[in-house]
Amino acid sequence: MKRVFGFLVGVLTRFTALTAMLAAAFVFGSVLVTVRSQERVLDEIPRVVSVEEAVLQDTYVATRKFAGRIVAGQVSDVAFELPGEIVEIAVTEGDRVEKGAMLARQDEVQLNNRKDELVARRSEISAQLKRAENDLRRTSDLAGKGFSTEQALDQARADRDGLRAQLRQTDAAIATVEEDLADSVLAAPFAGEVVRRYVDEGTIVQAGQAVIRINETGVLEAQIGVPTTFRRRIQVGDAYELSSGDLVAEGVVTGLVSDVNTGTRTLLVILEIPKDPGFVPRDLVRLSLREEIRERGIWTPAQALNESIRGLWSVYIVEPDAEADGYGVIRRKDVEIIHIEESRIFVRGTLEPGDLMVAAGAFRFVPGQRVQFVATAMDDANASGLAFADGDAEGANVEGDRP
């Protein structure tokens, strides 16, 4: 009897467990069916996409940048006019000096000795001249009384004139030595900054050998090469934007060198920088010039382009559904890039005026996909054509041109 009872209890336990498993499976299946049903419903809801209307233009304004260098208004390699040994250098790189300040000094011993010699010689000539003048006066008195000949009078007069000439010659020699002594002290020709020291104390330099380089402070210029096609567009007095890293300033054209660089086919433009934002001489600077180019095309948002085949690019458009307002189907149109700016691109190709271009996130869509679209307008700042092209240009190389 006990065995039968145990058997019935075991059967009942297994039946209860099986029932629980079947119930759990039923609940899980119901949830899975519900989730998949919701996914199908979501897939059937068209995604919302922002579109912009394509507008055909006959021209576009490109901002081009040309690279050059910042230079000081005046740069001077200062040198001694006479050879000699440098006994003192009073400045070093980075020092700021005023006009006339001493930069270096040569050994003056030989020049001082020469001056002392000439001064002594002048004293001797002065004494001789005084005696010759007295002799001439006495000879003239005797000649007037008939006690001296005309020849003696002429000789006395010649002796006096000769000594006078020697005195003038000696004075000139003394002045030359004094000038050489002044030149033995090297002075700053203008207020500026010492940017290089070529020699050290104790060096024997030749006449004209550079000792110190000074850049003028307060006045900076930009020297930039631009293509010859810009010759008539740039006039003296025009103001343009100059940039170097994060520094931006206005440069005023002060000169345009018409001699064409045969290597780069460029003209040298010189711009003065009235308000220096912190430029450093010899630093790289870029000149921004705007140019209107006659080329038919359409501006597209930069995020609207997808890479296509054979070097082309594509733009996705929305083909409106005639039966459902605000809905349409994604189509692809191939285009060619003409000009690139920061947030928009000028293209030509199969894109037509009035097409509704996908403004952003084109990678999220595929041709043939049904979407709901919302029209937007291109950014006003971009539409003004003021955005700069990416990259740099040196000389005649132009930024923002065709890739």
Protein backbone atom coordinates (compact mmCIF):
# COMPACT_ATOMS: atom_id res chain seq x y z
CA MET A 1 0.00 0.00 0.00
CA LYS A 2 2.84 2.35 0.87
CA ARG A 3 4.54 1.63 -2.46
CA VAL A 4 1.38 2.55 -4.39
CA PHE A 5 1.02 5.76 -2.44
CA GLY A 6 4.64 6.74 -3.14
CA PHE A 7 4.23 6.02 -6.80
CA LEU A 8 1.15 8.26 -7.01
CA VAL A 9 2.99 11.08 -5.21
CA GLY A 10 5.91 10.88 -7.69
CA VAL A 11 3.61 10.95 -10.67
CA LEU A 12 1.77 13.96 -9.27
CA THR A 13 5.07 15.83 -8.66
CA ARG A 14 6.29 15.23 -12.21
CA PHE A 15 2.96 16.37 -13.61
CA THR A 16 3.11 19.60 -11.59
CA ALA A 17 6.66 20.40 -12.82
CA LEU A 18 5.70 19.70 -16.43
CA THR A 19 2.68 21.96 -16.09
CA ALA A 20 4.87 24.79 -14.72
CA MET A 21 7.36 24.41 -17.60
CA LEU A 22 4.59 24.53 -20.18
CA ALA A 23 3.15 27.67 -18.57
CA ALA A 24 6.54 29.40 -18.58
CA ALA A 25 7.09 28.47 -22.21
CA PHE A 26 3.71 29.87 -23.10
CA VAL A 27 4.43 33.19 -21.33
CA PHE A 28 7.88 33.52 -23.00
CA GLY A 29 6.43 32.77 -26.41
CA SER A 30 3.71 35.35 -25.91
CA VAL A 31 6.30 38.02 -24.96
CA LEU A 32 8.51 37.14 -27.96
CA VAL A 33 5.56 37.34 -30.32
CA THR A 34 4.62 40.72 -28.82
CA VAL A 35 8.19 42.13 -29.21
CA ARG A 36 8.49 40.96 -32.80
CA SER A 37 5.10 42.40 -33.57
CA GLN A 38 6.22 45.75 -32.15
CA GLU A 39 9.45 45.63 -34.21
CA ARG A 40 7.45 45.07 -37.38
CA VAL A 41 5.25 48.01 -36.47
CA LEU A 42 8.31 50.22 -35.84
CA ASP A 43 9.90 49.11 -39.14
CA GLU A 44 6.79 50.15 -40.94
CA ILE A 45 6.98 53.72 -39.50
CA PRO A 46 9.09 55.92 -41.92
CA ARG A 47 12.10 57.72 -40.43
CA VAL A 48 12.04 61.51 -40.30
CA VAL A 49 14.72 63.23 -42.36
CA SER A 50 15.62 66.92 -42.80
CA VAL A 51 15.89 68.08 -46.40
CA GLU A 52 17.07 71.21 -48.18
CA GLU A 53 15.95 72.35 -51.60
CA ALA A 54 18.64 72.43 -54.27
CA VAL A 55 19.14 75.88 -55.80
CA LEU A 56 21.13 76.31 -59.00
CA GLN A 57 23.69 79.18 -59.01
CA ASP A 58 25.76 80.63 -61.85
CA THR A 59 28.66 81.72 -59.59
CA TYR A 60 30.12 81.07 -56.18
CA VAL A 61 32.40 83.09 -53.92
CA ALA A 62 35.54 81.26 -52.83
CA THR A 63 37.76 82.44 -50.00
CA ARG A 64 41.36 81.63 -50.84
CA LYS A 65 44.39 81.82 -48.59
CA PHE A 66 47.97 82.59 -49.58
CA ALA A 67 50.91 82.08 -47.24
CA GLY A 68 53.78 84.43 -46.51
CA ARG A 69 55.97 85.68 -43.69
CA ILE A 70 55.78 88.33 -41.00
CA VAL A 71 58.75 90.70 -41.17
CA ALA A 72 59.81 93.70 -39.13
CA GLY A 73 59.42 97.14 -40.73
CA GLN A 74 63.22 97.48 -40.64
CA VAL A 75 65.81 94.76 -40.17
CA SER A 76 69.47 95.73 -39.86
CA ASP A 77 72.68 93.73 -39.57
CA VAL A 78 74.80 96.30 -37.73
CA ALA A 79 78.57 96.32 -38.38
CA PHE A 80 81.68 98.37 -37.60
CA GLU A 81 83.06 100.58 -40.35
CA LEU A 82 86.67 99.77 -39.45
CA PRO A 83 88.48 96.53 -38.70
CA GLY A 84 89.44 95.91 -35.11
CA GLU A 85 89.09 93.83 -31.97
CA ILE A 86 85.76 93.82 -30.12
CA VAL A 87 86.39 94.46 -26.43
CA GLU A 88 82.77 94.75 -25.26
CA ILE A 89 79.34 93.54 -26.40
CA ALA A 90 76.61 95.21 -24.34
CA VAL A 91 73.54 93.26 -25.56
CA THR A 92 72.37 89.75 -26.23
CA GLU A 93 69.48 88.08 -28.05
CA GLY A 94 66.08 89.26 -26.85
CA ASP A 95 67.26 92.62 -25.48
CA ARG A 96 65.24 95.68 -26.44
CA VAL A 97 67.25 98.80 -27.20
CA GLU A 98 66.51 102.42 -27.92
CA LYS A 99 67.84 104.34 -30.88
CA GLY A 100 71.49 105.31 -30.29
CA ALA A 101 72.07 102.79 -27.49
CA MET A 102 75.55 101.18 -27.41
CA LEU A 103 75.59 97.64 -28.77
CA ALA A 104 79.33 96.87 -28.88
CA ARG A 105 82.71 98.61 -28.65
CA GLN A 106 86.08 98.11 -30.38
CA ASP A 107 89.57 98.53 -28.93
CA GLU A 108 90.36 102.28 -29.03
CA VAL A 109 94.05 102.24 -27.94
CA GLN A 110 95.55 102.66 -31.42
CA LEU A 111 93.09 105.38 -32.35
CA ASN A 112 93.79 107.31 -29.14
CA ASN A 113 97.53 107.02 -29.75
CA ARG A 114 97.06 108.30 -33.28
CA LYS A 115 95.00 111.20 -31.99
CA ASP A 116 97.64 112.12 -29.40
CA GLU A 117 100.28 112.05 -32.12
CA LEU A 118 98.24 114.35 -34.35
CA VAL A 119 97.49 116.74 -31.50
CA ALA A 120 101.21 117.02 -30.72
CA ARG A 121 101.96 117.54 -34.39
CA ARG A 122 99.37 120.31 -34.51
CA SER A 123 100.98 122.07 -31.58
CA GLU A 124 104.33 121.91 -33.34
CA ILE A 125 102.87 123.29 -36.58
CA SER A 126 101.05 126.02 -34.67
CA ALA A 127 104.33 127.15 -33.11
CA GLN A 128 106.07 127.11 -36.50
CA LEU A 129 103.20 129.04 -38.02
CA LYS A 130 103.41 131.70 -35.33
CA ARG A 131 107.12 132.14 -35.99
CA ALA A 132 106.55 132.23 -39.76
CA GLU A 133 103.92 134.94 -39.36
CA ASN A 134 106.36 137.02 -37.27
CA ASP A 135 109.09 136.51 -39.89
CA LEU A 136 106.72 137.61 -42.62
CA ARG A 137 105.76 140.72 -40.68
CA ARG A 138 109.42 141.73 -40.12
CA THR A 139 110.35 140.99 -43.72
CA SER A 140 107.46 143.07 -44.94
CA ASP A 141 108.58 146.02 -42.76
CA LEU A 142 112.16 145.75 -44.02
CA ALA A 143 111.01 145.51 -47.62
CA GLY A 144 109.00 148.68 -47.12
CA LYS A 145 112.17 150.47 -46.00
CA GLY A 146 114.22 149.00 -48.81
CA PHE A 147 116.26 146.69 -46.60
CA SER A 148 114.78 143.42 -47.91
CA THR A 149 114.19 142.00 -51.36
CA GLU A 150 110.91 140.95 -52.88
CA GLN A 151 112.25 137.40 -53.06
CA ALA A 152 112.72 137.23 -49.32
CA LEU A 153 109.23 138.60 -48.83
CA ASP A 154 107.76 135.95 -51.14
CA GLN A 155 109.65 133.20 -49.33
CA ALA A 156 108.37 134.31 -45.95
CA ARG A 157 104.86 134.46 -47.28
CA ALA A 158 105.19 130.95 -48.80
CA ASP A 159 106.52 129.55 -45.50
CA ARG A 160 103.52 130.97 -43.66
CA ASP A 161 101.00 129.61 -46.21
CA GLY A 162 102.63 126.17 -46.18
CA LEU A 163 102.37 125.94 -42.41
CA ARG A 164 98.75 127.05 -42.55
CA ALA A 165 98.02 124.23 -45.02
CA GLN A 166 99.80 121.72 -42.75
CA LEU A 167 97.71 122.94 -39.85
CA ARG A 168 94.48 122.42 -41.81
CA GLN A 169 95.65 118.97 -42.89
CA THR A 170 96.41 118.03 -39.30
CA ASP A 171 93.03 119.32 -38.14
CA ALA A 172 91.35 117.16 -40.78
CA ALA A 173 93.35 114.12 -39.66
CA ILE A 174 92.35 114.75 -36.04
CA ALA A 175 88.68 115.02 -37.10
CA THR A 176 88.99 111.69 -38.95
CA VAL A 177 90.46 110.00 -35.90
CA GLU A 178 87.71 111.42 -33.72
CA GLU A 179 85.14 110.11 -36.19
CA ASP A 180 86.83 106.70 -36.13
CA LEU A 181 86.70 106.78 -32.33
CA ALA A 182 82.98 107.48 -32.52
CA ASP A 183 82.58 104.62 -35.01
CA SER A 184 84.38 102.27 -32.65
CA VAL A 185 81.19 102.33 -30.57
CA LEU A 186 78.43 100.42 -32.38
CA ALA A 187 75.05 102.13 -31.80
CA ALA A 188 71.50 101.00 -32.52
CA PRO A 189 70.22 102.68 -35.72
CA PHE A 190 66.62 102.52 -34.45
CA ALA A 191 64.61 101.28 -31.50
CA GLY A 192 64.18 97.56 -31.76
CA GLU A 193 64.91 94.06 -30.49
CA VAL A 194 68.22 92.23 -30.73
CA VAL A 195 67.44 88.98 -32.54
CA ARG A 196 70.94 87.72 -33.24
CA ARG A 197 74.53 88.18 -32.04
CA TYR A 198 77.02 86.99 -34.61
CA VAL A 199 80.32 87.35 -32.68
CA ASP A 200 81.66 87.40 -29.12
CA GLU A 201 84.07 89.65 -27.25
CA GLY A 202 87.67 89.29 -28.36
CA THR A 203 86.78 88.66 -31.99
CA ILE A 204 88.71 90.63 -34.59
CA VAL A 205 86.21 91.70 -37.20
CA GLN A 206 86.64 93.17 -40.66
CA ALA A 207 85.01 96.37 -41.85
CA GLY A 208 81.36 95.69 -42.67
CA GLN A 209 81.23 92.28 -40.94
CA ALA A 210 77.84 91.81 -39.27
CA VAL A 211 77.97 91.89 -35.46
CA ILE A 212 74.37 92.37 -34.29
CA ARG A 213 70.97 91.96 -36.01
CA ILE A 214 68.13 94.22 -34.89
CA ASN A 215 64.45 94.06 -35.79
CA GLU A 216 62.51 97.29 -35.52
CA THR A 217 59.78 97.17 -32.89
CA GLY A 218 56.30 98.62 -33.26
CA VAL A 219 55.98 98.17 -37.04
CA LEU A 220 55.39 94.78 -38.63
CA GLU A 221 54.75 93.86 -42.25
CA ALA A 222 53.49 90.79 -44.04
CA GLN A 223 55.12 89.77 -47.32
CA ILE A 224 52.92 87.37 -49.28
CA GLY A 225 53.07 85.99 -52.80
CA VAL A 226 49.79 85.97 -54.74
CA PRO A 227 49.03 84.73 -58.28
CA THR A 228 49.37 87.23 -61.09
CA THR A 229 45.62 86.93 -61.73
CA PHE A 230 45.04 89.04 -58.60
CA ARG A 231 47.22 91.92 -59.87
CA ARG A 232 44.34 94.25 -60.72
CA ARG A 233 42.23 93.26 -57.74
CA ILE A 234 44.74 94.40 -55.13
CA GLN A 235 45.33 98.14 -54.73
CA VAL A 236 47.55 100.11 -52.39
CA GLY A 237 45.46 101.15 -49.38
CA ASP A 238 43.15 98.12 -49.50
CA ALA A 239 42.68 96.21 -46.23
CA TYR A 240 42.62 92.41 -45.98
CA GLU A 241 42.45 89.81 -43.24
CA LEU A 242 45.69 88.23 -42.04
CA SER A 243 45.84 85.19 -39.77
CA SER A 244 48.52 83.18 -38.02
CA GLY A 245 47.20 80.37 -35.87
CA ASP A 246 44.56 81.88 -33.61
CA LEU A 247 45.81 85.43 -34.20
CA VAL A 248 43.89 87.58 -36.68
CA ALA A 249 44.66 91.14 -37.77
CA GLU A 250 43.96 93.59 -40.55
CA GLY A 251 46.72 94.30 -43.04
CA VAL A 252 46.83 97.40 -45.26
CA VAL A 253 48.53 97.07 -48.64
CA THR A 254 51.52 99.44 -48.82
CA GLY A 255 53.23 98.01 -51.86
CA LEU A 256 52.89 95.54 -54.72
CA VAL A 257 56.12 94.36 -56.33
CA SER A 258 55.40 93.91 -60.03
CA ASP A 259 58.47 91.73 -60.64
CA VAL A 260 57.02 88.24 -61.14
CA ASN A 261 58.65 85.33 -59.35
CA THR A 262 59.43 83.00 -62.26
CA GLY A 263 59.41 79.94 -60.02
CA THR A 264 55.95 80.40 -58.47
CA ARG A 265 54.44 82.90 -60.94
CA THR A 266 53.48 85.17 -58.07
CA LEU A 267 53.66 88.85 -57.18
CA LEU A 268 54.89 90.04 -53.79
CA VAL A 269 52.28 91.94 -51.78
CA ILE A 270 53.48 93.98 -48.78
CA LEU A 271 50.93 94.73 -46.06
CA GLU A 272 51.49 96.88 -43.00
CA ILE A 273 49.90 95.68 -39.74
CA PRO A 274 48.69 98.79 -37.83
CA LYS A 275 47.50 96.81 -34.80
CA ASP A 276 49.76 93.87 -34.00
CA PRO A 277 47.85 91.09 -32.21
CA GLY A 278 51.08 89.39 -31.21
CA PHE A 279 52.67 88.31 -34.49
CA VAL A 280 56.32 87.28 -34.42
CA PRO A 281 58.75 88.24 -37.22
CA ARG A 282 59.45 85.37 -39.64
CA ASP A 283 56.28 83.61 -38.52
CA LEU A 284 53.96 82.08 -41.15
CA VAL A 285 50.93 84.25 -41.98
CA ARG A 286 48.01 83.77 -44.36
CA LEU A 287 46.23 86.35 -46.48
CA SER A 288 42.52 85.76 -47.15
CA LEU A 289 41.17 86.90 -50.51
CA ARG A 290 37.64 86.42 -51.81
CA GLU A 291 37.07 85.60 -55.47
CA GLU A 292 33.85 85.27 -57.43
CA ILE A 293 34.07 82.33 -59.84
CA ARG A 294 31.69 81.76 -62.72
CA GLU A 295 30.63 78.12 -62.42
CA ARG A 296 27.13 76.64 -62.47
CA GLY A 297 26.41 74.39 -59.54
CA ILE A 298 24.49 73.78 -56.34
CA TRP A 299 25.50 74.24 -52.70
CA THR A 300 24.97 71.09 -50.63
CA PRO A 301 25.48 70.56 -46.89
CA ALA A 302 28.83 68.88 -46.20
CA GLN A 303 27.10 66.02 -44.37
CA ALA A 304 24.87 65.32 -47.36
CA LEU A 305 27.61 63.69 -49.46
CA ASN A 306 28.35 60.00 -49.69
CA GLU A 307 31.32 58.49 -51.49
CA SER A 308 30.29 56.89 -54.76
CA ILE A 309 32.16 55.05 -57.55
CA ARG A 310 34.78 56.17 -60.09
CA GLY A 311 35.88 59.12 -58.01
CA LEU A 312 32.40 60.60 -57.83
CA TRP A 313 30.25 61.45 -54.87
CA SER A 314 26.54 61.05 -54.36
CA VAL A 315 23.76 63.02 -52.73
CA TYR A 316 20.60 61.40 -51.42
CA ILE A 317 17.37 63.16 -52.28
CA VAL A 318 13.79 62.52 -51.24
CA GLU A 319 11.36 61.92 -54.09
CA PRO A 320 8.00 63.13 -52.69
CA ASP A 321 5.07 60.73 -52.63
CA ALA A 322 2.26 62.22 -54.70
CA GLU A 323 -0.39 60.50 -52.57
CA ALA A 324 1.05 61.17 -49.08
CA ASP A 325 2.05 64.73 -48.25
CA GLY A 326 5.35 64.91 -46.33
CA TYR A 327 6.44 61.41 -47.29
CA GLY A 328 8.76 60.16 -50.00
CA VAL A 329 11.40 57.68 -51.13
CA ILE A 330 15.19 58.00 -50.94
CA ARG A 331 16.96 58.29 -54.31
CA ARG A 332 20.67 58.65 -55.09
CA LYS A 333 22.20 61.20 -57.49
CA ASP A 334 25.88 61.33 -58.45
CA VAL A 335 27.71 64.67 -58.29
CA GLU A 336 31.17 66.13 -58.83
CA ILE A 337 32.78 68.37 -56.20
CA ILE A 338 33.76 71.84 -57.46
CA HIS A 339 34.57 73.74 -54.27
CA ILE A 340 34.78 72.78 -50.58
CA GLU A 341 34.10 74.98 -47.58
CA GLU A 342 33.82 74.22 -43.89
CA SER A 343 30.17 73.19 -43.75
CA ARG A 344 29.00 73.15 -47.37
CA ILE A 345 30.17 71.95 -50.76
CA PHE A 346 29.57 73.34 -54.26
CA VAL A 347 28.77 70.48 -56.68
CA ARG A 348 27.50 69.76 -60.18
CA GLY A 349 26.11 66.63 -61.79
CA THR A 350 22.75 64.90 -61.91
CA LEU A 351 21.39 66.97 -59.02
CA GLU A 352 18.65 69.29 -60.31
CA PRO A 353 17.14 72.54 -59.02
CA GLY A 354 14.25 71.83 -56.69
CA ASP A 355 15.53 68.44 -55.54
CA LEU A 356 15.06 67.83 -51.82
CA MET A 357 18.55 66.95 -50.56
CA VAL A 358 19.04 64.94 -47.37
CA ALA A 359 20.72 67.55 -45.18
CA ALA A 360 22.58 65.28 -42.74
CA GLY A 361 23.16 61.68 -41.77
CA ALA A 362 22.88 60.36 -45.30
CA PHE A 363 24.69 57.18 -44.21
CA ARG A 364 21.56 56.16 -42.24
CA PHE A 365 19.49 55.76 -45.39
CA VAL A 366 19.51 53.58 -48.47
CA PRO A 367 17.99 54.15 -51.91
CA GLY A 368 14.38 53.02 -52.03
CA GLN A 369 13.77 53.61 -48.33
CA ARG A 370 10.50 55.33 -47.46
CA VAL A 371 10.91 58.38 -45.19
CA GLN A 372 9.04 61.32 -43.77
CA PHE A 373 10.77 64.61 -44.61
CA VAL A 374 10.94 68.06 -43.01
CA ALA A 375 12.23 71.01 -45.07
CA THR A 376 14.99 73.22 -43.60
CA ALA A 377 16.98 76.20 -44.93
CA MET A 378 20.73 76.36 -45.44
CA ASP A 379 22.63 78.26 -42.73
CA ASP A 380 22.70 82.03 -43.44
CA ALA A 381 26.36 82.24 -42.48
CA ASN A 382 27.18 79.59 -45.04
CA ALA A 383 25.01 81.19 -47.68
CA SER A 384 27.01 84.41 -47.36
CA GLY A 385 30.09 82.71 -48.76
CA LEU A 386 32.31 83.82 -45.88
CA ALA A 387 33.47 80.40 -44.74
CA PHE A 388 37.18 79.75 -45.22
CA ALA A 389 38.48 76.82 -47.22
CA ASP A 390 40.52 74.19 -45.44
CA GLY A 391 44.28 73.75 -45.92
CA ASP A 392 47.17 76.13 -46.61
CA ALA A 393 48.65 77.69 -49.71
CA GLU A 394 52.22 78.74 -50.29
CA GLY A 395 52.74 81.32 -53.00
CA ALA A 396 50.51 80.49 -55.94
CA ASN A 397 48.94 77.41 -54.34
CA VAL A 398 45.27 78.07 -53.66
CA GLU A 399 43.11 76.78 -50.84
CA GLY A 400 39.60 75.56 -51.28
CA ASP A 401 40.00 74.76 -54.95
CA ARG A 402 38.85 71.64 -56.70
CA PRO A 403 40.01 68.43 -55.04
